Amino acid sequence: MESHSPFERAIAAEHEERFANALELFLVCMEDPEYDKAELLFHCGWCTEQSKGGDMGRALCYYEQATFEAASPSCKLNSFFRAGWLLTQQNLHNKAATIFRRAIDFADVCHQKDETYSETVFWYAVCLESLGQYIDAIKWYRLAKTLSSRLDPESRLRELSCLNNIGSYDEAMKVYSTFDAPAPRGFGETRYFELQKNVERERAMLHDVLSTTPSYLGAG
């Protein structure tokens, strides 16, 4: 049976990736107090973000407004995450880090520890790394890999970059060796093989550097 409510038609259009049409319908729903405003704002943000030539600034405004309006923990966390993600795409890592940290603090209080939380932790670490805060980034990458097997290898790869940046080469070698193990369940075999090849090249280069570095350079 055909759906007639604007909201049902909006959801159908969104699923069919007719994002411009869906956005128009979600905006119509805004006039009806029957619907959850925060949920509508999130959908408006998503449809704006996904539309060809979409206004990312406008999408960010929808997400930010949703974080203030949301009563649902999942809607609030998802809105925080999408806002942070858009800021990272604009290389606004300081602002993104602030948003991601707000999301993490909120999720900790509400015990909202789902996949979005794991992604938030990972991208918060990415922002810290981009800001040169390598030691803090390592801490969050290590948390991310415990939260999600899907994020585990990517987190270890980023952790390696941070360790090398702060000169913790012995510790980096230990992390390199973890890639000798098979891929975690749920992680793509093809991507893992690519990571293993890159890691092996980097490990060999680091091993050569360490083996030819005079020992007195590390004395202090």
N, C-alpha and C. Protein backbone atom coordinates (compact mmCIF):
# COMPACT_ATOMS: atom_id res chain seq x y z
N MET A 1 0.84 -1.20 0.00
CA MET A 1 0.00 0.00 0.00
C MET A 1 0.88 1.25 0.00
N GLU A 2 0.54 2.22 -0.80
CA GLU A 2 1.37 3.41 -0.95
C GLU A 2 1.30 4.27 0.29
N SER A 3 2.44 4.78 0.71
CA SER A 3 2.51 5.66 1.86
C SER A 3 2.16 7.08 1.41
N HIS A 4 1.39 7.77 2.28
CA HIS A 4 0.94 9.11 1.89
C HIS A 4 1.47 10.21 2.79
N SER A 5 1.92 9.90 4.01
CA SER A 5 2.37 10.97 4.89
C SER A 5 3.69 11.54 4.36
N PRO A 6 3.91 12.84 4.55
CA PRO A 6 5.17 13.44 4.09
C PRO A 6 6.40 12.76 4.68
N PHE A 7 6.31 12.36 5.95
CA PHE A 7 7.46 11.73 6.59
C PHE A 7 7.78 10.39 5.95
N GLU A 8 6.76 9.58 5.70
CA GLU A 8 6.99 8.28 5.06
C GLU A 8 7.54 8.45 3.66
N ARG A 9 7.04 9.44 2.95
CA ARG A 9 7.55 9.69 1.60
C ARG A 9 8.99 10.22 1.66
N ALA A 10 9.29 11.01 2.68
CA ALA A 10 10.65 11.52 2.85
C ALA A 10 11.63 10.39 3.13
N ILE A 11 11.24 9.48 4.02
CA ILE A 11 12.10 8.33 4.35
C ILE A 11 12.32 7.47 3.11
N ALA A 12 11.25 7.25 2.34
CA ALA A 12 11.37 6.44 1.13
C ALA A 12 12.32 7.11 0.13
N ALA A 13 12.18 8.41 -0.05
CA ALA A 13 13.04 9.15 -0.98
C ALA A 13 14.50 9.11 -0.51
N GLU A 14 14.70 9.22 0.79
CA GLU A 14 16.06 9.15 1.34
C GLU A 14 16.68 7.79 1.06
N HIS A 15 15.93 6.72 1.29
CA HIS A 15 16.43 5.36 1.04
C HIS A 15 16.75 5.14 -0.44
N GLU A 16 15.99 5.81 -1.29
CA GLU A 16 16.21 5.70 -2.73
C GLU A 16 17.27 6.68 -3.23
N GLU A 17 17.89 7.41 -2.28
CA GLU A 17 18.95 8.38 -2.57
C GLU A 17 18.46 9.54 -3.43
N ARG A 18 17.18 9.86 -3.30
CA ARG A 18 16.64 11.07 -3.92
C ARG A 18 16.66 12.16 -2.84
N PHE A 19 17.89 12.58 -2.53
CA PHE A 19 18.10 13.39 -1.33
C PHE A 19 17.46 14.78 -1.41
N ALA A 20 17.46 15.40 -2.58
CA ALA A 20 16.85 16.72 -2.72
C ALA A 20 15.35 16.65 -2.45
N ASN A 21 14.70 15.62 -3.00
CA ASN A 21 13.27 15.44 -2.76
C ASN A 21 12.98 15.14 -1.30
N ALA A 22 13.84 14.29 -0.72
CA ALA A 22 13.65 13.94 0.68
C ALA A 22 13.79 15.18 1.56
N LEU A 23 14.77 16.02 1.27
CA LEU A 23 14.98 17.22 2.06
C LEU A 23 13.74 18.11 2.05
N GLU A 24 13.16 18.30 0.88
CA GLU A 24 11.95 19.12 0.77
C GLU A 24 10.84 18.57 1.67
N LEU A 25 10.69 17.25 1.68
CA LEU A 25 9.62 16.63 2.47
C LEU A 25 9.92 16.71 3.96
N PHE A 26 11.18 16.53 4.35
CA PHE A 26 11.52 16.65 5.77
C PHE A 26 11.27 18.07 6.26
N LEU A 27 11.54 19.07 5.41
CA LEU A 27 11.28 20.45 5.78
C LEU A 27 9.79 20.71 5.94
N VAL A 28 8.99 20.07 5.13
CA VAL A 28 7.53 20.16 5.28
C VAL A 28 7.12 19.60 6.64
N CYS A 29 7.73 18.50 7.03
CA CYS A 29 7.40 17.86 8.31
C CYS A 29 7.74 18.75 9.50
N MET A 30 8.67 19.67 9.32
CA MET A 30 9.06 20.58 10.40
C MET A 30 7.87 21.39 10.91
N GLU A 31 6.88 21.60 10.06
CA GLU A 31 5.72 22.40 10.43
C GLU A 31 4.72 21.61 11.25
N ASP A 32 4.94 20.31 11.39
CA ASP A 32 4.00 19.45 12.12
C ASP A 32 4.61 19.05 13.46
N PRO A 33 4.03 19.49 14.59
CA PRO A 33 4.59 19.18 15.91
C PRO A 33 4.53 17.69 16.26
N GLU A 34 3.86 16.92 15.43
CA GLU A 34 3.77 15.47 15.68
C GLU A 34 5.15 14.81 15.58
N TYR A 35 6.03 15.38 14.78
CA TYR A 35 7.32 14.74 14.53
C TYR A 35 8.40 15.28 15.46
N ASP A 36 9.39 14.44 15.71
CA ASP A 36 10.53 14.81 16.53
C ASP A 36 11.41 15.77 15.74
N LYS A 37 11.54 16.99 16.24
CA LYS A 37 12.26 18.02 15.49
C LYS A 37 13.73 17.65 15.29
N ALA A 38 14.35 17.10 16.33
CA ALA A 38 15.77 16.75 16.23
C ALA A 38 16.00 15.67 15.17
N GLU A 39 15.13 14.69 15.13
CA GLU A 39 15.25 13.63 14.12
C GLU A 39 15.12 14.22 12.72
N LEU A 40 14.18 15.15 12.57
CA LEU A 40 14.01 15.80 11.27
C LEU A 40 15.25 16.61 10.90
N LEU A 41 15.80 17.32 11.88
CA LEU A 41 17.01 18.11 11.61
C LEU A 41 18.17 17.21 11.19
N PHE A 42 18.29 16.06 11.85
CA PHE A 42 19.36 15.14 11.46
C PHE A 42 19.16 14.67 10.02
N HIS A 43 17.94 14.29 9.68
CA HIS A 43 17.66 13.85 8.30
C HIS A 43 17.92 14.98 7.31
N CYS A 44 17.58 16.22 7.69
CA CYS A 44 17.84 17.35 6.80
C CYS A 44 19.34 17.53 6.59
N GLY A 45 20.09 17.37 7.67
CA GLY A 45 21.54 17.46 7.55
C GLY A 45 22.10 16.39 6.64
N TRP A 46 21.63 15.15 6.83
CA TRP A 46 22.11 14.03 6.02
C TRP A 46 21.77 14.23 4.55
N CYS A 47 20.53 14.61 4.27
CA CYS A 47 20.12 14.79 2.88
C CYS A 47 20.86 15.95 2.22
N THR A 48 21.10 17.01 2.97
CA THR A 48 21.87 18.14 2.43
C THR A 48 23.30 17.71 2.15
N GLU A 49 23.87 16.95 3.10
CA GLU A 49 25.25 16.49 2.96
C GLU A 49 25.41 15.58 1.75
N GLN A 50 24.42 14.72 1.51
CA GLN A 50 24.52 13.73 0.45
C GLN A 50 24.07 14.24 -0.92
N SER A 51 23.37 15.35 -0.95
CA SER A 51 22.89 15.89 -2.22
C SER A 51 24.06 16.37 -3.09
N LYS A 52 23.96 16.16 -4.37
CA LYS A 52 24.98 16.64 -5.29
C LYS A 52 25.06 18.15 -5.21
N GLY A 53 26.26 18.66 -4.92
CA GLY A 53 26.42 20.10 -4.78
C GLY A 53 25.80 20.65 -3.51
N GLY A 54 25.59 19.77 -2.51
CA GLY A 54 24.95 20.19 -1.27
C GLY A 54 25.77 21.22 -0.51
N ASP A 55 25.09 22.07 0.22
CA ASP A 55 25.73 23.12 1.01
C ASP A 55 26.19 22.52 2.33
N MET A 56 27.50 22.28 2.47
CA MET A 56 28.01 21.62 3.67
C MET A 56 27.87 22.52 4.90
N GLY A 57 27.94 23.82 4.70
CA GLY A 57 27.73 24.73 5.82
C GLY A 57 26.31 24.62 6.36
N ARG A 58 25.36 24.49 5.46
CA ARG A 58 23.96 24.34 5.86
C ARG A 58 23.75 22.99 6.55
N ALA A 59 24.38 21.95 6.02
CA ALA A 59 24.28 20.63 6.64
C ALA A 59 24.82 20.68 8.06
N LEU A 60 25.95 21.36 8.24
CA LEU A 60 26.54 21.49 9.57
C LEU A 60 25.58 22.20 10.52
N CYS A 61 24.91 23.23 10.04
CA CYS A 61 23.94 23.95 10.87
C CYS A 61 22.80 23.04 11.31
N TYR A 62 22.32 22.20 10.40
CA TYR A 62 21.25 21.25 10.76
C TYR A 62 21.73 20.30 11.86
N TYR A 63 22.93 19.76 11.69
CA TYR A 63 23.45 18.82 12.69
C TYR A 63 23.66 19.51 14.03
N GLU A 64 24.23 20.70 14.01
CA GLU A 64 24.49 21.41 15.27
C GLU A 64 23.18 21.73 15.98
N GLN A 65 22.17 22.13 15.22
CA GLN A 65 20.88 22.42 15.84
C GLN A 65 20.27 21.14 16.41
N ALA A 66 20.47 20.04 15.72
CA ALA A 66 19.94 18.75 16.20
C ALA A 66 20.58 18.36 17.54
N THR A 67 21.86 18.69 17.73
CA THR A 67 22.50 18.33 18.99
C THR A 67 21.87 19.06 20.17
N PHE A 68 21.34 20.26 19.92
CA PHE A 68 20.68 21.01 20.99
C PHE A 68 19.25 20.55 21.21
N GLU A 69 18.59 20.11 20.15
CA GLU A 69 17.18 19.75 20.24
C GLU A 69 16.95 18.30 20.67
N ALA A 70 17.95 17.45 20.47
CA ALA A 70 17.73 16.01 20.61
C ALA A 70 17.46 15.60 22.05
N ALA A 71 16.42 14.78 22.20
CA ALA A 71 16.14 14.12 23.48
C ALA A 71 16.66 12.69 23.44
N SER A 72 16.71 12.13 22.24
CA SER A 72 17.20 10.76 22.06
C SER A 72 18.73 10.75 22.08
N PRO A 73 19.35 9.93 22.95
CA PRO A 73 20.81 9.86 22.98
C PRO A 73 21.42 9.48 21.64
N SER A 74 20.79 8.54 20.91
CA SER A 74 21.36 8.11 19.63
C SER A 74 21.32 9.24 18.61
N CYS A 75 20.22 9.99 18.58
CA CYS A 75 20.12 11.12 17.64
C CYS A 75 21.16 12.19 17.99
N LYS A 76 21.33 12.47 19.27
CA LYS A 76 22.28 13.49 19.69
C LYS A 76 23.71 13.07 19.32
N LEU A 77 24.06 11.81 19.61
CA LEU A 77 25.40 11.32 19.31
C LEU A 77 25.65 11.31 17.81
N ASN A 78 24.68 10.83 17.03
CA ASN A 78 24.82 10.80 15.57
C ASN A 78 24.99 12.21 15.00
N SER A 79 24.27 13.16 15.57
CA SER A 79 24.37 14.55 15.09
C SER A 79 25.73 15.13 15.42
N PHE A 80 26.21 14.88 16.63
CA PHE A 80 27.56 15.31 17.00
C PHE A 80 28.59 14.73 16.01
N PHE A 81 28.44 13.43 15.74
CA PHE A 81 29.43 12.77 14.89
C PHE A 81 29.45 13.37 13.48
N ARG A 82 28.26 13.54 12.89
CA ARG A 82 28.22 14.07 11.52
C ARG A 82 28.77 15.50 11.48
N ALA A 83 28.49 16.29 12.51
CA ALA A 83 29.03 17.65 12.55
C ALA A 83 30.56 17.61 12.61
N GLY A 84 31.09 16.75 13.47
CA GLY A 84 32.54 16.61 13.56
C GLY A 84 33.16 16.13 12.26
N TRP A 85 32.49 15.18 11.63
CA TRP A 85 32.99 14.64 10.37
C TRP A 85 33.07 15.73 9.30
N LEU A 86 32.03 16.55 9.19
CA LEU A 86 32.05 17.62 8.19
C LEU A 86 33.18 18.60 8.46
N LEU A 87 33.43 18.88 9.72
CA LEU A 87 34.52 19.80 10.06
C LEU A 87 35.88 19.21 9.70
N THR A 88 36.05 17.89 9.87
CA THR A 88 37.33 17.27 9.49
C THR A 88 37.53 17.34 7.99
N GLN A 89 36.46 17.23 7.22
CA GLN A 89 36.57 17.30 5.76
C GLN A 89 36.99 18.69 5.29
N GLN A 90 36.77 19.68 6.16
CA GLN A 90 37.20 21.05 5.86
C GLN A 90 38.55 21.36 6.52
N ASN A 91 39.18 20.32 7.07
CA ASN A 91 40.47 20.46 7.77
C ASN A 91 40.39 21.42 8.95
N LEU A 92 39.21 21.53 9.55
CA LEU A 92 39.02 22.33 10.75
C LEU A 92 39.14 21.41 11.96
N HIS A 93 40.36 20.88 12.14
CA HIS A 93 40.54 19.81 13.12
C HIS A 93 40.37 20.27 14.57
N ASN A 94 40.68 21.53 14.84
CA ASN A 94 40.50 22.01 16.20
C ASN A 94 39.02 22.06 16.58
N LYS A 95 38.20 22.60 15.67
CA LYS A 95 36.76 22.64 15.91
C LYS A 95 36.16 21.24 15.93
N ALA A 96 36.63 20.39 15.03
CA ALA A 96 36.13 19.02 14.98
C ALA A 96 36.46 18.28 16.28
N ALA A 97 37.67 18.48 16.78
CA ALA A 97 38.08 17.82 18.02
C ALA A 97 37.16 18.24 19.17
N THR A 98 36.78 19.52 19.21
CA THR A 98 35.88 20.00 20.26
C THR A 98 34.53 19.31 20.18
N ILE A 99 34.00 19.18 18.96
CA ILE A 99 32.72 18.51 18.76
C ILE A 99 32.80 17.04 19.13
N PHE A 100 33.84 16.36 18.66
CA PHE A 100 33.98 14.94 18.96
C PHE A 100 34.13 14.70 20.46
N ARG A 101 34.86 15.59 21.14
CA ARG A 101 35.03 15.41 22.58
C ARG A 101 33.72 15.62 23.32
N ARG A 102 32.92 16.57 22.86
CA ARG A 102 31.58 16.75 23.45
C ARG A 102 30.74 15.50 23.25
N ALA A 103 30.87 14.90 22.08
CA ALA A 103 30.13 13.66 21.80
C ALA A 103 30.57 12.53 22.73
N ILE A 104 31.87 12.40 22.92
CA ILE A 104 32.41 11.35 23.78
C ILE A 104 31.95 11.54 25.22
N ASP A 105 32.05 12.77 25.71
CA ASP A 105 31.63 13.05 27.08
C ASP A 105 30.14 12.77 27.27
N PHE A 106 29.35 13.16 26.28
CA PHE A 106 27.91 12.90 26.35
C PHE A 106 27.63 11.40 26.36
N ALA A 107 28.29 10.67 25.47
CA ALA A 107 28.06 9.22 25.38
C ALA A 107 28.50 8.51 26.66
N ASP A 108 29.57 8.99 27.27
CA ASP A 108 30.03 8.39 28.53
C ASP A 108 28.98 8.55 29.63
N VAL A 109 28.37 9.72 29.68
CA VAL A 109 27.34 9.98 30.70
C VAL A 109 26.09 9.15 30.44
N CYS A 110 25.71 9.04 29.15
CA CYS A 110 24.47 8.33 28.78
C CYS A 110 24.69 6.84 28.52
N HIS A 111 25.94 6.40 28.61
CA HIS A 111 26.28 4.99 28.33
C HIS A 111 25.84 4.58 26.93
N GLN A 112 26.02 5.49 25.98
CA GLN A 112 25.67 5.25 24.59
C GLN A 112 26.92 4.77 23.85
N LYS A 113 27.30 3.53 24.07
CA LYS A 113 28.57 3.00 23.54
C LYS A 113 28.32 2.10 22.32
N ASP A 114 27.84 2.71 21.24
CA ASP A 114 27.56 1.95 20.03
C ASP A 114 28.66 2.17 19.00
N GLU A 115 28.41 1.76 17.76
CA GLU A 115 29.43 1.89 16.71
C GLU A 115 29.74 3.36 16.42
N THR A 116 28.74 4.23 16.54
CA THR A 116 28.99 5.65 16.33
C THR A 116 29.96 6.18 17.38
N TYR A 117 29.83 5.70 18.60
CA TYR A 117 30.76 6.10 19.66
C TYR A 117 32.18 5.68 19.29
N SER A 118 32.33 4.45 18.82
CA SER A 118 33.66 3.96 18.42
C SER A 118 34.25 4.82 17.31
N GLU A 119 33.43 5.15 16.32
CA GLU A 119 33.89 6.00 15.22
C GLU A 119 34.28 7.39 15.74
N THR A 120 33.51 7.88 16.70
CA THR A 120 33.80 9.19 17.27
C THR A 120 35.16 9.20 17.96
N VAL A 121 35.43 8.16 18.72
CA VAL A 121 36.72 8.04 19.41
C VAL A 121 37.86 8.03 18.38
N PHE A 122 37.69 7.24 17.31
CA PHE A 122 38.73 7.15 16.29
C PHE A 122 38.99 8.51 15.64
N TRP A 123 37.93 9.19 15.24
CA TRP A 123 38.12 10.46 14.53
C TRP A 123 38.57 11.57 15.47
N TYR A 124 38.24 11.45 16.75
CA TYR A 124 38.80 12.39 17.72
C TYR A 124 40.32 12.22 17.76
N ALA A 125 40.78 10.97 17.75
CA ALA A 125 42.22 10.70 17.72
C ALA A 125 42.85 11.26 16.45
N VAL A 126 42.18 11.11 15.32
CA VAL A 126 42.70 11.65 14.05
C VAL A 126 42.89 13.16 14.16
N CYS A 127 41.91 13.83 14.76
CA CYS A 127 42.02 15.28 14.92
C CYS A 127 43.19 15.65 15.81
N LEU A 128 43.35 14.94 16.93
CA LEU A 128 44.47 15.21 17.84
C LEU A 128 45.80 15.00 17.12
N GLU A 129 45.88 13.93 16.33
CA GLU A 129 47.10 13.67 15.56
C GLU A 129 47.37 14.80 14.58
N SER A 130 46.32 15.25 13.90
CA SER A 130 46.48 16.35 12.93
C SER A 130 46.92 17.64 13.60
N LEU A 131 46.59 17.79 14.87
CA LEU A 131 46.98 18.98 15.63
C LEU A 131 48.36 18.82 16.28
N GLY A 132 49.01 17.67 16.03
CA GLY A 132 50.34 17.43 16.58
C GLY A 132 50.34 16.95 18.02
N GLN A 133 49.17 16.57 18.53
CA GLN A 133 49.06 16.10 19.91
C GLN A 133 49.18 14.57 19.91
N TYR A 134 50.37 14.10 19.58
CA TYR A 134 50.58 12.69 19.29
C TYR A 134 50.38 11.77 20.50
N ILE A 135 50.82 12.19 21.66
CA ILE A 135 50.70 11.32 22.84
C ILE A 135 49.23 11.13 23.21
N ASP A 136 48.45 12.21 23.18
CA ASP A 136 47.02 12.08 23.44
C ASP A 136 46.33 11.25 22.36
N ALA A 137 46.74 11.45 21.12
CA ALA A 137 46.15 10.69 20.02
C ALA A 137 46.37 9.19 20.20
N ILE A 138 47.57 8.82 20.62
CA ILE A 138 47.89 7.40 20.85
C ILE A 138 46.91 6.80 21.85
N LYS A 139 46.64 7.53 22.92
CA LYS A 139 45.72 7.04 23.95
C LYS A 139 44.35 6.74 23.36
N TRP A 140 43.86 7.62 22.51
CA TRP A 140 42.52 7.44 21.94
C TRP A 140 42.50 6.39 20.83
N TYR A 141 43.59 6.28 20.07
CA TYR A 141 43.66 5.20 19.08
C TYR A 141 43.63 3.84 19.79
N ARG A 142 44.31 3.75 20.91
CA ARG A 142 44.33 2.49 21.65
C ARG A 142 42.95 2.15 22.20
N LEU A 143 42.21 3.17 22.60
CA LEU A 143 40.84 2.91 23.03
C LEU A 143 39.98 2.47 21.85
N ALA A 144 40.12 3.14 20.72
CA ALA A 144 39.31 2.81 19.53
C ALA A 144 39.49 1.36 19.12
N LYS A 145 40.73 0.86 19.17
CA LYS A 145 40.95 -0.52 18.72
C LYS A 145 40.38 -1.54 19.69
N THR A 146 40.14 -1.15 20.94
CA THR A 146 39.49 -2.06 21.88
C THR A 146 37.97 -2.04 21.72
N LEU A 147 37.46 -0.96 21.16
CA LEU A 147 36.02 -0.80 21.02
C LEU A 147 35.45 -1.49 19.80
N SER A 148 36.26 -1.60 18.74
CA SER A 148 35.74 -2.10 17.46
C SER A 148 36.81 -2.87 16.70
N SER A 149 36.50 -4.12 16.38
CA SER A 149 37.45 -4.91 15.59
C SER A 149 37.61 -4.32 14.20
N ARG A 150 36.58 -3.64 13.72
CA ARG A 150 36.65 -3.02 12.39
C ARG A 150 37.63 -1.84 12.39
N LEU A 151 37.75 -1.16 13.53
CA LEU A 151 38.65 -0.01 13.63
C LEU A 151 40.04 -0.39 14.13
N ASP A 152 40.18 -1.61 14.61
CA ASP A 152 41.44 -2.05 15.22
C ASP A 152 42.65 -1.84 14.30
N PRO A 153 42.69 -2.42 13.10
CA PRO A 153 43.89 -2.25 12.26
C PRO A 153 44.15 -0.80 11.87
N GLU A 154 43.09 -0.06 11.55
CA GLU A 154 43.28 1.34 11.16
C GLU A 154 43.82 2.15 12.35
N SER A 155 43.36 1.82 13.55
CA SER A 155 43.83 2.52 14.74
C SER A 155 45.30 2.20 15.00
N ARG A 156 45.67 0.94 14.81
CA ARG A 156 47.07 0.57 15.00
C ARG A 156 47.97 1.27 13.98
N LEU A 157 47.48 1.39 12.75
CA LEU A 157 48.26 2.07 11.72
C LEU A 157 48.50 3.53 12.08
N ARG A 158 47.44 4.21 12.56
CA ARG A 158 47.59 5.60 12.96
C ARG A 158 48.46 5.72 14.21
N GLU A 159 48.33 4.76 15.12
CA GLU A 159 49.16 4.75 16.32
C GLU A 159 50.64 4.68 15.93
N LEU A 160 50.95 3.88 14.92
CA LEU A 160 52.34 3.78 14.45
C LEU A 160 52.86 5.12 13.98
N SER A 161 52.05 5.85 13.26
CA SER A 161 52.46 7.16 12.78
C SER A 161 52.80 8.08 13.94
N CYS A 162 51.95 8.03 14.97
CA CYS A 162 52.18 8.88 16.15
C CYS A 162 53.45 8.46 16.89
N LEU A 163 53.65 7.16 17.05
CA LEU A 163 54.84 6.66 17.74
C LEU A 163 56.11 7.08 17.01
N ASN A 164 56.09 6.98 15.70
CA ASN A 164 57.26 7.40 14.92
C ASN A 164 57.49 8.90 15.02
N ASN A 165 56.40 9.66 15.10
CA ASN A 165 56.54 11.11 15.21
C ASN A 165 57.15 11.55 16.53
N ILE A 166 56.94 10.77 17.59
CA ILE A 166 57.53 11.15 18.88
C ILE A 166 58.83 10.38 19.16
N GLY A 167 59.26 9.58 18.18
CA GLY A 167 60.53 8.88 18.32
C GLY A 167 60.49 7.64 19.19
N SER A 168 59.28 7.08 19.42
CA SER A 168 59.17 5.84 20.21
C SER A 168 59.32 4.63 19.28
N TYR A 169 60.53 4.46 18.76
CA TYR A 169 60.74 3.46 17.71
C TYR A 169 60.66 2.03 18.23
N ASP A 170 61.15 1.78 19.43
CA ASP A 170 61.05 0.42 19.98
C ASP A 170 59.60 0.01 20.16
N GLU A 171 58.80 0.94 20.64
CA GLU A 171 57.38 0.64 20.82
C GLU A 171 56.71 0.48 19.46
N ALA A 172 57.13 1.28 18.49
CA ALA A 172 56.57 1.16 17.14
C ALA A 172 56.85 -0.22 16.56
N MET A 173 58.06 -0.74 16.79
CA MET A 173 58.40 -2.06 16.26
C MET A 173 57.47 -3.13 16.84
N LYS A 174 57.08 -2.97 18.10
CA LYS A 174 56.15 -3.93 18.71
C LYS A 174 54.79 -3.87 18.04
N VAL A 175 54.35 -2.65 17.71
CA VAL A 175 53.06 -2.50 17.05
C VAL A 175 53.12 -3.04 15.63
N TYR A 176 54.26 -2.81 14.94
CA TYR A 176 54.42 -3.36 13.59
C TYR A 176 54.22 -4.88 13.62
N SER A 177 54.74 -5.54 14.65
CA SER A 177 54.67 -7.01 14.71
C SER A 177 53.25 -7.52 14.88
N THR A 178 52.34 -6.67 15.38
CA THR A 178 50.95 -7.12 15.56
C THR A 178 50.27 -7.38 14.22
N PHE A 179 50.81 -6.81 13.15
CA PHE A 179 50.21 -7.02 11.83
C PHE A 179 50.60 -8.38 11.23
N ASP A 180 51.43 -9.13 11.94
CA ASP A 180 51.73 -10.49 11.49
C ASP A 180 50.53 -11.41 11.72
N ALA A 181 49.65 -11.02 12.63
CA ALA A 181 48.46 -11.81 12.95
C ALA A 181 47.42 -11.65 11.85
N PRO A 182 46.49 -12.61 11.73
CA PRO A 182 45.42 -12.50 10.73
C PRO A 182 44.53 -11.29 10.99
N ALA A 183 43.73 -10.93 10.00
CA ALA A 183 42.81 -9.81 10.14
C ALA A 183 41.77 -10.12 11.21
N PRO A 184 41.39 -9.11 11.99
CA PRO A 184 40.31 -9.31 12.96
C PRO A 184 39.00 -9.65 12.25
N ARG A 185 38.15 -10.36 12.94
CA ARG A 185 36.85 -10.72 12.36
C ARG A 185 36.10 -9.45 11.95
N GLY A 186 35.54 -9.47 10.75
CA GLY A 186 34.77 -8.34 10.27
C GLY A 186 35.57 -7.30 9.52
N PHE A 187 36.89 -7.44 9.51
CA PHE A 187 37.72 -6.48 8.78
C PHE A 187 38.03 -7.04 7.41
N GLY A 188 37.93 -6.21 6.38
CA GLY A 188 38.12 -6.66 5.01
C GLY A 188 39.49 -7.24 4.75
N GLU A 189 39.53 -8.42 4.17
CA GLU A 189 40.81 -9.11 3.90
C GLU A 189 41.68 -8.31 2.93
N THR A 190 41.06 -7.73 1.91
CA THR A 190 41.83 -6.97 0.91
C THR A 190 42.50 -5.76 1.55
N ARG A 191 41.74 -5.01 2.33
CA ARG A 191 42.30 -3.83 3.00
C ARG A 191 43.38 -4.25 3.99
N TYR A 192 43.17 -5.35 4.70
CA TYR A 192 44.16 -5.79 5.67
C TYR A 192 45.47 -6.19 4.99
N PHE A 193 45.36 -6.84 3.83
CA PHE A 193 46.55 -7.22 3.08
C PHE A 193 47.33 -5.98 2.65
N GLU A 194 46.61 -4.93 2.25
CA GLU A 194 47.26 -3.67 1.88
C GLU A 194 48.00 -3.08 3.08
N LEU A 195 47.34 -3.11 4.23
CA LEU A 195 47.98 -2.59 5.44
C LEU A 195 49.23 -3.39 5.78
N GLN A 196 49.13 -4.72 5.68
CA GLN A 196 50.28 -5.57 5.99
C GLN A 196 51.47 -5.26 5.08
N LYS A 197 51.22 -5.05 3.80
CA LYS A 197 52.31 -4.74 2.87
C LYS A 197 52.96 -3.40 3.22
N ASN A 198 52.12 -2.39 3.49
CA ASN A 198 52.66 -1.08 3.85
C ASN A 198 53.45 -1.15 5.16
N VAL A 199 52.88 -1.86 6.13
CA VAL A 199 53.52 -1.98 7.43
C VAL A 199 54.85 -2.71 7.31
N GLU A 200 54.91 -3.75 6.49
CA GLU A 200 56.14 -4.52 6.34
C GLU A 200 57.25 -3.66 5.73
N ARG A 201 56.89 -2.84 4.75
CA ARG A 201 57.88 -1.93 4.16
C ARG A 201 58.40 -0.93 5.19
N GLU A 202 57.47 -0.37 5.95
CA GLU A 202 57.87 0.61 6.96
C GLU A 202 58.70 -0.04 8.06
N ARG A 203 58.32 -1.25 8.46
CA ARG A 203 59.05 -1.95 9.52
C ARG A 203 60.48 -2.25 9.05
N ALA A 204 60.63 -2.66 7.80
CA ALA A 204 61.96 -2.96 7.27
C ALA A 204 62.82 -1.71 7.23
N MET A 205 62.22 -0.58 6.83
CA MET A 205 62.96 0.68 6.78
C MET A 205 63.38 1.12 8.18
N LEU A 206 62.46 1.00 9.14
CA LEU A 206 62.78 1.39 10.51
C LEU A 206 63.85 0.48 11.09
N HIS A 207 63.75 -0.82 10.79
CA HIS A 207 64.75 -1.77 11.28
C HIS A 207 66.14 -1.41 10.75
N ASP A 208 66.21 -1.04 9.47
CA ASP A 208 67.50 -0.66 8.86
C ASP A 208 68.06 0.59 9.54
N VAL A 209 67.17 1.56 9.81
CA VAL A 209 67.62 2.80 10.45
C VAL A 209 68.14 2.51 11.85
N LEU A 210 67.39 1.72 12.62
CA LEU A 210 67.79 1.43 13.99
C LEU A 210 69.07 0.61 14.05
N SER A 211 69.23 -0.28 13.08
CA SER A 211 70.42 -1.15 13.11
C SER A 211 71.69 -0.41 12.71
N THR A 212 71.55 0.73 12.04
CA THR A 212 72.73 1.49 11.62
C THR A 212 72.94 2.75 12.45
N THR A 213 72.05 2.99 13.44
CA THR A 213 72.19 4.18 14.29
C THR A 213 73.18 3.88 15.42
N PRO A 214 74.22 4.70 15.58
CA PRO A 214 75.17 4.47 16.68
C PRO A 214 74.46 4.47 18.02
N SER A 215 74.81 3.51 18.86
CA SER A 215 74.13 3.35 20.14
C SER A 215 74.28 4.56 21.04
N TYR A 216 75.41 5.31 20.90
CA TYR A 216 75.62 6.43 21.81
C TYR A 216 74.63 7.57 21.58
N LEU A 217 73.97 7.57 20.35
CA LEU A 217 72.99 8.62 20.06
C LEU A 217 71.76 8.48 20.93
N GLY A 218 71.49 7.28 21.39
CA GLY A 218 70.32 7.09 22.23
C GLY A 218 70.65 7.15 23.69
N ALA A 219 71.94 7.33 24.04
CA ALA A 219 72.31 7.39 25.44
C ALA A 219 72.00 8.76 26.02
N GLY A 220 71.64 8.82 27.27
CA GLY A 220 71.36 10.11 27.86
C GLY A 220 71.37 10.04 29.37
